[in-house]
mmCIF file of all heavy atoms, coordinates in Angstrom:
data_MODEL
# 
_entry.id   MODEL 
# 
loop_
_atom_site.group_PDB 
_atom_site.id 
_atom_site.type_symbol 
_atom_site.label_atom_id 
_atom_site.label_alt_id 
_atom_site.label_comp_id 
_atom_site.label_asym_id 
_atom_site.label_entity_id 
_atom_site.label_seq_id 
_atom_site.pdbx_PDB_ins_code 
_atom_site.Cartn_x 
_atom_site.Cartn_y 
_atom_site.Cartn_z 
_atom_site.occupancy 
_atom_site.B_iso_or_equiv 
_atom_site.pdbx_formal_charge 
_atom_site.auth_seq_id 
_atom_site.auth_comp_id 
_atom_site.auth_asym_id 
_atom_site.auth_atom_id 
_atom_site.pdbx_PDB_model_num 
ATOM 1   N N   . LYS A 1 1  ? 0.794   -1.183 -0.053 1.00 0.00 ? 1  LYS A N   1 
ATOM 2   C CA  . LYS A 1 1  ? -0.023  0.011  -0.029 1.00 0.00 ? 1  LYS A CA  1 
ATOM 3   C C   . LYS A 1 1  ? 0.873   1.262  0.009  1.00 0.00 ? 1  LYS A C   1 
ATOM 4   O O   . LYS A 1 1  ? 2.025   1.226  0.359  1.00 0.00 ? 1  LYS A O   1 
ATOM 5   C CB  . LYS A 1 1  ? -0.917  0.031  1.290  1.00 0.00 ? 1  LYS A CB  1 
ATOM 6   C CG  . LYS A 1 1  ? -1.916  -1.151 1.239  1.00 0.00 ? 1  LYS A CG  1 
ATOM 7   C CD  . LYS A 1 1  ? -2.889  -0.898 2.412  1.00 0.00 ? 1  LYS A CD  1 
ATOM 8   C CE  . LYS A 1 1  ? -3.920  -2.039 2.441  1.00 0.00 ? 1  LYS A CE  1 
ATOM 9   N NZ  . LYS A 1 1  ? -4.888  -1.856 3.624  1.00 0.00 ? 1  LYS A NZ  1 
ATOM 10  N N   . GLN A 1 2  ? 0.347   2.385  -0.433 1.00 0.00 ? 2  GLN A N   1 
ATOM 11  C CA  . GLN A 1 2  ? 0.948   3.602  -0.351 1.00 0.00 ? 2  GLN A CA  1 
ATOM 12  C C   . GLN A 1 2  ? 1.062   4.155  1.079  1.00 0.00 ? 2  GLN A C   1 
ATOM 13  O O   . GLN A 1 2  ? 0.234   3.798  1.900  1.00 0.00 ? 2  GLN A O   1 
ATOM 14  C CB  . GLN A 1 2  ? 0.238   4.646  -1.263 1.00 0.00 ? 2  GLN A CB  1 
ATOM 15  C CG  . GLN A 1 2  ? 0.265   4.273  -2.723 1.00 0.00 ? 2  GLN A CG  1 
ATOM 16  C CD  . GLN A 1 2  ? -0.400  5.375  -3.579 1.00 0.00 ? 2  GLN A CD  1 
ATOM 17  O OE1 . GLN A 1 2  ? -1.479  5.997  -3.121 1.00 0.00 ? 2  GLN A OE1 1 
ATOM 18  N NE2 . GLN A 1 2  ? 0.076   5.638  -4.694 1.00 0.00 ? 2  GLN A NE2 1 
ATOM 19  N N   . ARG A 1 3  ? 2.060   5.047  1.316  1.00 0.00 ? 3  ARG A N   1 
ATOM 20  C CA  . ARG A 1 3  ? 2.126   5.601  2.623  1.00 0.00 ? 3  ARG A CA  1 
ATOM 21  C C   . ARG A 1 3  ? 1.056   6.636  2.770  1.00 0.00 ? 3  ARG A C   1 
ATOM 22  O O   . ARG A 1 3  ? 0.660   7.435  1.883  1.00 0.00 ? 3  ARG A O   1 
ATOM 23  C CB  . ARG A 1 3  ? 3.476   6.417  2.662  1.00 0.00 ? 3  ARG A CB  1 
ATOM 24  C CG  . ARG A 1 3  ? 3.824   6.949  4.033  1.00 0.00 ? 3  ARG A CG  1 
ATOM 25  C CD  . ARG A 1 3  ? 5.234   7.487  4.112  1.00 0.00 ? 3  ARG A CD  1 
ATOM 26  N NE  . ARG A 1 3  ? 6.224   6.478  3.870  1.00 0.00 ? 3  ARG A NE  1 
ATOM 27  C CZ  . ARG A 1 3  ? 7.599   6.638  3.971  1.00 0.00 ? 3  ARG A CZ  1 
ATOM 28  N NH1 . ARG A 1 3  ? 8.051   7.807  4.266  1.00 0.00 ? 3  ARG A NH1 1 
ATOM 29  N NH2 . ARG A 1 3  ? 8.357   5.595  3.714  1.00 0.00 ? 3  ARG A NH2 1 
ATOM 30  N N   . GLU A 1 4  ? 0.392   6.581  3.916  1.00 0.00 ? 4  GLU A N   1 
ATOM 31  C CA  . GLU A 1 4  ? -0.799  7.395  4.203  1.00 0.00 ? 4  GLU A CA  1 
ATOM 32  C C   . GLU A 1 4  ? -0.586  8.152  5.522  1.00 0.00 ? 4  GLU A C   1 
ATOM 33  O O   . GLU A 1 4  ? 0.122   7.798  6.428  1.00 0.00 ? 4  GLU A O   1 
ATOM 34  C CB  . GLU A 1 4  ? -2.003  6.584  4.357  1.00 0.00 ? 4  GLU A CB  1 
ATOM 35  C CG  . GLU A 1 4  ? -1.999  5.582  5.539  1.00 0.00 ? 4  GLU A CG  1 
ATOM 36  C CD  . GLU A 1 4  ? -3.232  4.739  5.602  1.00 0.00 ? 4  GLU A CD  1 
ATOM 37  O OE1 . GLU A 1 4  ? -4.286  5.068  4.850  1.00 0.00 ? 4  GLU A OE1 1 
ATOM 38  O OE2 . GLU A 1 4  ? -3.401  3.843  6.464  1.00 0.00 ? 4  GLU A OE2 1 
ATOM 39  N N   . LEU A 1 5  ? -1.107  9.383  5.589  1.00 0.00 ? 5  LEU A N   1 
ATOM 40  C CA  . LEU A 1 5  ? -1.083  10.309 6.658  1.00 0.00 ? 5  LEU A CA  1 
ATOM 41  C C   . LEU A 1 5  ? -2.011  9.827  7.781  1.00 0.00 ? 5  LEU A C   1 
ATOM 42  O O   . LEU A 1 5  ? -3.120  9.464  7.488  1.00 0.00 ? 5  LEU A O   1 
ATOM 43  C CB  . LEU A 1 5  ? -1.436  11.736 6.301  1.00 0.00 ? 5  LEU A CB  1 
ATOM 44  C CG  . LEU A 1 5  ? -1.449  12.771 7.331  1.00 0.00 ? 5  LEU A CG  1 
ATOM 45  C CD1 . LEU A 1 5  ? -0.015  12.972 7.870  1.00 0.00 ? 5  LEU A CD1 1 
ATOM 46  C CD2 . LEU A 1 5  ? -1.961  14.092 6.855  1.00 0.00 ? 5  LEU A CD2 1 
ATOM 47  N N   . VAL A 1 6  ? -1.490  9.679  8.982  1.00 0.00 ? 6  VAL A N   1 
ATOM 48  C CA  . VAL A 1 6  ? -2.243  9.215  10.059 1.00 0.00 ? 6  VAL A CA  1 
ATOM 49  C C   . VAL A 1 6  ? -2.770  10.358 10.978 1.00 0.00 ? 6  VAL A C   1 
ATOM 50  O O   . VAL A 1 6  ? -3.954  10.445 11.339 1.00 0.00 ? 6  VAL A O   1 
ATOM 51  C CB  . VAL A 1 6  ? -1.418  8.253  10.988 1.00 0.00 ? 6  VAL A CB  1 
ATOM 52  C CG1 . VAL A 1 6  ? -2.178  7.838  12.259 1.00 0.00 ? 6  VAL A CG1 1 
ATOM 53  C CG2 . VAL A 1 6  ? -1.040  6.977  10.207 1.00 0.00 ? 6  VAL A CG2 1 
ATOM 54  N N   . ALA A 1 7  ? -1.849  11.317 11.278 1.00 0.00 ? 7  ALA A N   1 
ATOM 55  C CA  . ALA A 1 7  ? -2.235  12.457 12.160 1.00 0.00 ? 7  ALA A CA  1 
ATOM 56  C C   . ALA A 1 7  ? -1.143  13.460 12.093 1.00 0.00 ? 7  ALA A C   1 
ATOM 57  O O   . ALA A 1 7  ? 0.046   13.199 11.816 1.00 0.00 ? 7  ALA A O   1 
ATOM 58  C CB  . ALA A 1 7  ? -2.309  11.914 13.667 1.00 0.00 ? 7  ALA A CB  1 
ATOM 59  N N   . THR A 1 8  ? -1.553  14.645 12.399 1.00 0.00 ? 8  THR A N   1 
ATOM 60  C CA  . THR A 1 8  ? -0.600  15.861 12.455 1.00 0.00 ? 8  THR A CA  1 
ATOM 61  C C   . THR A 1 8  ? -0.877  16.666 13.609 1.00 0.00 ? 8  THR A C   1 
ATOM 62  O O   . THR A 1 8  ? -1.990  16.661 14.135 1.00 0.00 ? 8  THR A O   1 
ATOM 63  C CB  . THR A 1 8  ? -0.731  16.714 11.119 1.00 0.00 ? 8  THR A CB  1 
ATOM 64  O OG1 . THR A 1 8  ? -2.027  17.372 11.134 1.00 0.00 ? 8  THR A OG1 1 
ATOM 65  C CG2 . THR A 1 8  ? -0.496  15.872 9.878  1.00 0.00 ? 8  THR A CG2 1 
ATOM 66  N N   . ILE A 1 9  ? 0.096   17.455 14.040 1.00 0.00 ? 9  ILE A N   1 
ATOM 67  C CA  . ILE A 1 9  ? -0.112  18.502 15.106 1.00 0.00 ? 9  ILE A CA  1 
ATOM 68  C C   . ILE A 1 9  ? 0.835   19.566 14.919 1.00 0.00 ? 9  ILE A C   1 
ATOM 69  O O   . ILE A 1 9  ? 2.041   19.392 14.515 1.00 0.00 ? 9  ILE A O   1 
ATOM 70  C CB  . ILE A 1 9  ? 0.080   17.724 16.501 1.00 0.00 ? 9  ILE A CB  1 
ATOM 71  C CG1 . ILE A 1 9  ? -0.282  18.685 17.664 1.00 0.00 ? 9  ILE A CG1 1 
ATOM 72  C CG2 . ILE A 1 9  ? 1.549   17.307 16.695 1.00 0.00 ? 9  ILE A CG2 1 
ATOM 73  C CD1 . ILE A 1 9  ? -0.416  18.008 18.940 1.00 0.00 ? 9  ILE A CD1 1 
ATOM 74  N N   . THR A 1 10 ? 0.404   20.764 15.151 1.00 0.00 ? 10 THR A N   1 
ATOM 75  C CA  . THR A 1 10 ? 1.274   21.973 15.096 1.00 0.00 ? 10 THR A CA  1 
ATOM 76  C C   . THR A 1 10 ? 1.787   22.255 16.498 1.00 0.00 ? 10 THR A C   1 
ATOM 77  O O   . THR A 1 10 ? 1.307   21.867 17.504 1.00 0.00 ? 10 THR A O   1 
ATOM 78  C CB  . THR A 1 10 ? 0.440   23.167 14.604 1.00 0.00 ? 10 THR A CB  1 
ATOM 79  O OG1 . THR A 1 10 ? -0.565  23.484 15.564 1.00 0.00 ? 10 THR A OG1 1 
ATOM 80  C CG2 . THR A 1 10 ? -0.295  22.821 13.319 1.00 0.00 ? 10 THR A CG2 1 
ATOM 81  N N   . PRO A 1 11 ? 2.792   23.196 16.574 1.00 0.00 ? 11 PRO A N   1 
ATOM 82  C CA  . PRO A 1 11 ? 3.316   23.563 17.861 1.00 0.00 ? 11 PRO A CA  1 
ATOM 83  C C   . PRO A 1 11 ? 2.174   24.266 18.778 1.00 0.00 ? 11 PRO A C   1 
ATOM 84  O O   . PRO A 1 11 ? 2.267   24.175 19.986 1.00 0.00 ? 11 PRO A O   1 
ATOM 85  C CB  . PRO A 1 11 ? 4.355   24.667 17.549 1.00 0.00 ? 11 PRO A CB  1 
ATOM 86  C CG  . PRO A 1 11 ? 4.921   24.182 16.246 1.00 0.00 ? 11 PRO A CG  1 
ATOM 87  C CD  . PRO A 1 11 ? 3.629   23.753 15.480 1.00 0.00 ? 11 PRO A CD  1 
ATOM 88  N N   . GLY A 1 12 ? 1.238   24.820 18.150 1.00 0.00 ? 12 GLY A N   1 
ATOM 89  C CA  . GLY A 1 12 ? 0.151   25.444 18.923 1.00 0.00 ? 12 GLY A CA  1 
ATOM 90  C C   . GLY A 1 12 ? -0.935  24.417 19.448 1.00 0.00 ? 12 GLY A C   1 
ATOM 91  O O   . GLY A 1 12 ? -1.788  24.855 20.156 1.00 0.00 ? 12 GLY A O   1 
ATOM 92  N N   . GLY A 1 13 ? -0.795  23.240 18.948 1.00 0.00 ? 13 GLY A N   1 
ATOM 93  C CA  . GLY A 1 13 ? -1.705  22.182 19.414 1.00 0.00 ? 13 GLY A CA  1 
ATOM 94  C C   . GLY A 1 13 ? -2.836  21.754 18.461 1.00 0.00 ? 13 GLY A C   1 
ATOM 95  O O   . GLY A 1 13 ? -3.628  20.894 18.862 1.00 0.00 ? 13 GLY A O   1 
ATOM 96  N N   . SER A 1 14 ? -2.900  22.276 17.293 1.00 0.00 ? 14 SER A N   1 
ATOM 97  C CA  . SER A 1 14 ? -4.006  21.944 16.368 1.00 0.00 ? 14 SER A CA  1 
ATOM 98  C C   . SER A 1 14 ? -3.634  20.659 15.787 1.00 0.00 ? 14 SER A C   1 
ATOM 99  O O   . SER A 1 14 ? -2.481  20.394 15.252 1.00 0.00 ? 14 SER A O   1 
ATOM 100 C CB  . SER A 1 14 ? -4.089  23.018 15.242 1.00 0.00 ? 14 SER A CB  1 
ATOM 101 O OG  . SER A 1 14 ? -4.412  24.279 15.764 1.00 0.00 ? 14 SER A OG  1 
ATOM 102 N N   . SER A 1 15 ? -4.593  19.697 15.797 1.00 0.00 ? 15 SER A N   1 
ATOM 103 C CA  . SER A 1 15 ? -4.276  18.375 15.349 1.00 0.00 ? 15 SER A CA  1 
ATOM 104 C C   . SER A 1 15 ? -5.372  17.956 14.255 1.00 0.00 ? 15 SER A C   1 
ATOM 105 O O   . SER A 1 15 ? -6.444  18.422 14.194 1.00 0.00 ? 15 SER A O   1 
ATOM 106 C CB  . SER A 1 15 ? -4.388  17.371 16.518 1.00 0.00 ? 15 SER A CB  1 
ATOM 107 O OG  . SER A 1 15 ? -5.669  17.355 17.109 1.00 0.00 ? 15 SER A OG  1 
ATOM 108 N N   . THR A 1 16 ? -4.867  16.974 13.402 1.00 0.00 ? 16 THR A N   1 
ATOM 109 C CA  . THR A 1 16 ? -5.807  16.328 12.509 1.00 0.00 ? 16 THR A CA  1 
ATOM 110 C C   . THR A 1 16 ? -5.579  14.903 12.530 1.00 0.00 ? 16 THR A C   1 
ATOM 111 O O   . THR A 1 16 ? -4.543  14.403 12.947 1.00 0.00 ? 16 THR A O   1 
ATOM 112 C CB  . THR A 1 16 ? -5.511  16.904 11.048 1.00 0.00 ? 16 THR A CB  1 
ATOM 113 O OG1 . THR A 1 16 ? -4.207  16.505 10.564 1.00 0.00 ? 16 THR A OG1 1 
ATOM 114 C CG2 . THR A 1 16 ? -5.520  18.337 11.003 1.00 0.00 ? 16 THR A CG2 1 
ATOM 115 N N   . TYR A 1 17 ? -6.573  14.092 12.097 1.00 0.00 ? 17 TYR A N   1 
ATOM 116 C CA  . TYR A 1 17 ? -6.534  12.595 12.148 1.00 0.00 ? 17 TYR A CA  1 
ATOM 117 C C   . TYR A 1 17 ? -7.146  12.064 10.835 1.00 0.00 ? 17 TYR A C   1 
ATOM 118 O O   . TYR A 1 17 ? -8.148  12.685 10.319 1.00 0.00 ? 17 TYR A O   1 
ATOM 119 C CB  . TYR A 1 17 ? -7.322  12.050 13.317 1.00 0.00 ? 17 TYR A CB  1 
ATOM 120 C CG  . TYR A 1 17 ? -6.647  12.419 14.617 1.00 0.00 ? 17 TYR A CG  1 
ATOM 121 C CD1 . TYR A 1 17 ? -7.132  13.468 15.302 1.00 0.00 ? 17 TYR A CD1 1 
ATOM 122 C CD2 . TYR A 1 17 ? -5.686  11.631 15.192 1.00 0.00 ? 17 TYR A CD2 1 
ATOM 123 C CE1 . TYR A 1 17 ? -6.569  13.854 16.451 1.00 0.00 ? 17 TYR A CE1 1 
ATOM 124 C CE2 . TYR A 1 17 ? -5.080  11.945 16.419 1.00 0.00 ? 17 TYR A CE2 1 
ATOM 125 C CZ  . TYR A 1 17 ? -5.645  13.030 17.012 1.00 0.00 ? 17 TYR A CZ  1 
ATOM 126 O OH  . TYR A 1 17 ? -5.158  13.420 18.335 1.00 0.00 ? 17 TYR A OH  1 
ATOM 127 N N   . ALA A 1 18 ? -6.610  10.919 10.302 1.00 0.00 ? 18 ALA A N   1 
ATOM 128 C CA  . ALA A 1 18 ? -7.266  10.158 9.285  1.00 0.00 ? 18 ALA A CA  1 
ATOM 129 C C   . ALA A 1 18 ? -8.492  9.580  9.861  1.00 0.00 ? 18 ALA A C   1 
ATOM 130 O O   . ALA A 1 18 ? -8.621  9.229  11.007 1.00 0.00 ? 18 ALA A O   1 
ATOM 131 C CB  . ALA A 1 18 ? -6.328  9.133  8.825  1.00 0.00 ? 18 ALA A CB  1 
ATOM 132 N N   . ASP A 1 19 ? -9.475  9.477  8.954  1.00 0.00 ? 19 ASP A N   1 
ATOM 133 C CA  . ASP A 1 19 ? -10.796 8.943  9.404  1.00 0.00 ? 19 ASP A CA  1 
ATOM 134 C C   . ASP A 1 19 ? -10.692 7.474  10.056 1.00 0.00 ? 19 ASP A C   1 
ATOM 135 O O   . ASP A 1 19 ? -11.372 7.116  10.983 1.00 0.00 ? 19 ASP A O   1 
ATOM 136 C CB  . ASP A 1 19 ? -11.747 8.869  8.192  1.00 0.00 ? 19 ASP A CB  1 
ATOM 137 C CG  . ASP A 1 19 ? -12.325 10.214 7.848  1.00 0.00 ? 19 ASP A CG  1 
ATOM 138 O OD1 . ASP A 1 19 ? -12.105 11.240 8.578  1.00 0.00 ? 19 ASP A OD1 1 
ATOM 139 O OD2 . ASP A 1 19 ? -12.802 10.276 6.609  1.00 0.00 ? 19 ASP A OD2 1 
ATOM 140 N N   . ALA A 1 20 ? -9.632  6.749  9.505  1.00 0.00 ? 20 ALA A N   1 
ATOM 141 C CA  . ALA A 1 20 ? -9.516  5.405  10.012 1.00 0.00 ? 20 ALA A CA  1 
ATOM 142 C C   . ALA A 1 20 ? -9.077  5.270  11.479 1.00 0.00 ? 20 ALA A C   1 
ATOM 143 O O   . ALA A 1 20 ? -9.211  4.284  12.042 1.00 0.00 ? 20 ALA A O   1 
ATOM 144 C CB  . ALA A 1 20 ? -8.532  4.692  9.078  1.00 0.00 ? 20 ALA A CB  1 
ATOM 145 N N   . VAL A 1 21 ? -8.531  6.389  12.004 1.00 0.00 ? 21 VAL A N   1 
ATOM 146 C CA  . VAL A 1 21 ? -7.944  6.313  13.291 1.00 0.00 ? 21 VAL A CA  1 
ATOM 147 C C   . VAL A 1 21 ? -8.602  7.238  14.299 1.00 0.00 ? 21 VAL A C   1 
ATOM 148 O O   . VAL A 1 21 ? -8.348  7.162  15.510 1.00 0.00 ? 21 VAL A O   1 
ATOM 149 C CB  . VAL A 1 21 ? -6.491  6.568  13.314 1.00 0.00 ? 21 VAL A CB  1 
ATOM 150 C CG1 . VAL A 1 21 ? -5.707  5.638  12.330 1.00 0.00 ? 21 VAL A CG1 1 
ATOM 151 C CG2 . VAL A 1 21 ? -6.225  8.086  13.035 1.00 0.00 ? 21 VAL A CG2 1 
ATOM 152 N N   . LYS A 1 22 ? -9.573  8.059  13.839 1.00 0.00 ? 22 LYS A N   1 
ATOM 153 C CA  . LYS A 1 22 ? -10.296 8.971  14.727 1.00 0.00 ? 22 LYS A CA  1 
ATOM 154 C C   . LYS A 1 22 ? -11.037 8.214  15.854 1.00 0.00 ? 22 LYS A C   1 
ATOM 155 O O   . LYS A 1 22 ? -11.656 7.186  15.648 1.00 0.00 ? 22 LYS A O   1 
ATOM 156 C CB  . LYS A 1 22 ? -11.350 9.731  13.941 1.00 0.00 ? 22 LYS A CB  1 
ATOM 157 C CG  . LYS A 1 22 ? -10.718 10.886 13.099 1.00 0.00 ? 22 LYS A CG  1 
ATOM 158 C CD  . LYS A 1 22 ? -11.814 11.655 12.412 1.00 0.00 ? 22 LYS A CD  1 
ATOM 159 C CE  . LYS A 1 22 ? -11.192 12.714 11.509 1.00 0.00 ? 22 LYS A CE  1 
ATOM 160 N NZ  . LYS A 1 22 ? -12.226 13.506 10.787 1.00 0.00 ? 22 LYS A NZ  1 
ATOM 161 N N   . GLY A 1 23 ? -10.766 8.686  17.086 1.00 0.00 ? 23 GLY A N   1 
ATOM 162 C CA  . GLY A 1 23 ? -11.372 8.097  18.263 1.00 0.00 ? 23 GLY A CA  1 
ATOM 163 C C   . GLY A 1 23 ? -10.623 7.056  18.851 1.00 0.00 ? 23 GLY A C   1 
ATOM 164 O O   . GLY A 1 23 ? -10.872 6.628  20.000 1.00 0.00 ? 23 GLY A O   1 
ATOM 165 N N   . ARG A 1 24 ? -9.528  6.552  18.199 1.00 0.00 ? 24 ARG A N   1 
ATOM 166 C CA  . ARG A 1 24 ? -8.702  5.524  18.698 1.00 0.00 ? 24 ARG A CA  1 
ATOM 167 C C   . ARG A 1 24 ? -7.235  6.011  18.958 1.00 0.00 ? 24 ARG A C   1 
ATOM 168 O O   . ARG A 1 24 ? -6.590  5.561  19.884 1.00 0.00 ? 24 ARG A O   1 
ATOM 169 C CB  . ARG A 1 24 ? -8.604  4.367  17.772 1.00 0.00 ? 24 ARG A CB  1 
ATOM 170 C CG  . ARG A 1 24 ? -10.004 3.677  17.440 1.00 0.00 ? 24 ARG A CG  1 
ATOM 171 C CD  . ARG A 1 24 ? -9.908  2.427  16.680 1.00 0.00 ? 24 ARG A CD  1 
ATOM 172 N NE  . ARG A 1 24 ? -9.345  2.681  15.292 1.00 0.00 ? 24 ARG A NE  1 
ATOM 173 C CZ  . ARG A 1 24 ? -8.202  2.111  14.958 1.00 0.00 ? 24 ARG A CZ  1 
ATOM 174 N NH1 . ARG A 1 24 ? -7.422  1.328  15.688 1.00 0.00 ? 24 ARG A NH1 1 
ATOM 175 N NH2 . ARG A 1 24 ? -7.756  2.399  13.646 1.00 0.00 ? 24 ARG A NH2 1 
ATOM 176 N N   . PHE A 1 25 ? -6.815  6.957  18.020 1.00 0.00 ? 25 PHE A N   1 
ATOM 177 C CA  . PHE A 1 25 ? -5.385  7.379  18.142 1.00 0.00 ? 25 PHE A CA  1 
ATOM 178 C C   . PHE A 1 25 ? -5.399  8.854  18.656 1.00 0.00 ? 25 PHE A C   1 
ATOM 179 O O   . PHE A 1 25 ? -6.335  9.583  18.379 1.00 0.00 ? 25 PHE A O   1 
ATOM 180 C CB  . PHE A 1 25 ? -4.663  7.351  16.802 1.00 0.00 ? 25 PHE A CB  1 
ATOM 181 C CG  . PHE A 1 25 ? -4.394  6.011  16.288 1.00 0.00 ? 25 PHE A CG  1 
ATOM 182 C CD1 . PHE A 1 25 ? -4.880  4.871  16.888 1.00 0.00 ? 25 PHE A CD1 1 
ATOM 183 C CD2 . PHE A 1 25 ? -3.502  5.919  15.187 1.00 0.00 ? 25 PHE A CD2 1 
ATOM 184 C CE1 . PHE A 1 25 ? -4.573  3.653  16.323 1.00 0.00 ? 25 PHE A CE1 1 
ATOM 185 C CE2 . PHE A 1 25 ? -3.199  4.632  14.584 1.00 0.00 ? 25 PHE A CE2 1 
ATOM 186 C CZ  . PHE A 1 25 ? -3.783  3.487  15.233 1.00 0.00 ? 25 PHE A CZ  1 
# 
C-alpha cells in the first residue's frame, strides 16, 4: 500500500486525524 497520513499536530496544538484512526489514536 501507499504511505498514508495518520495524524498531524502543530506547535500550537492543532491536530488532524485520518478517518480510519479517529477516536482511537
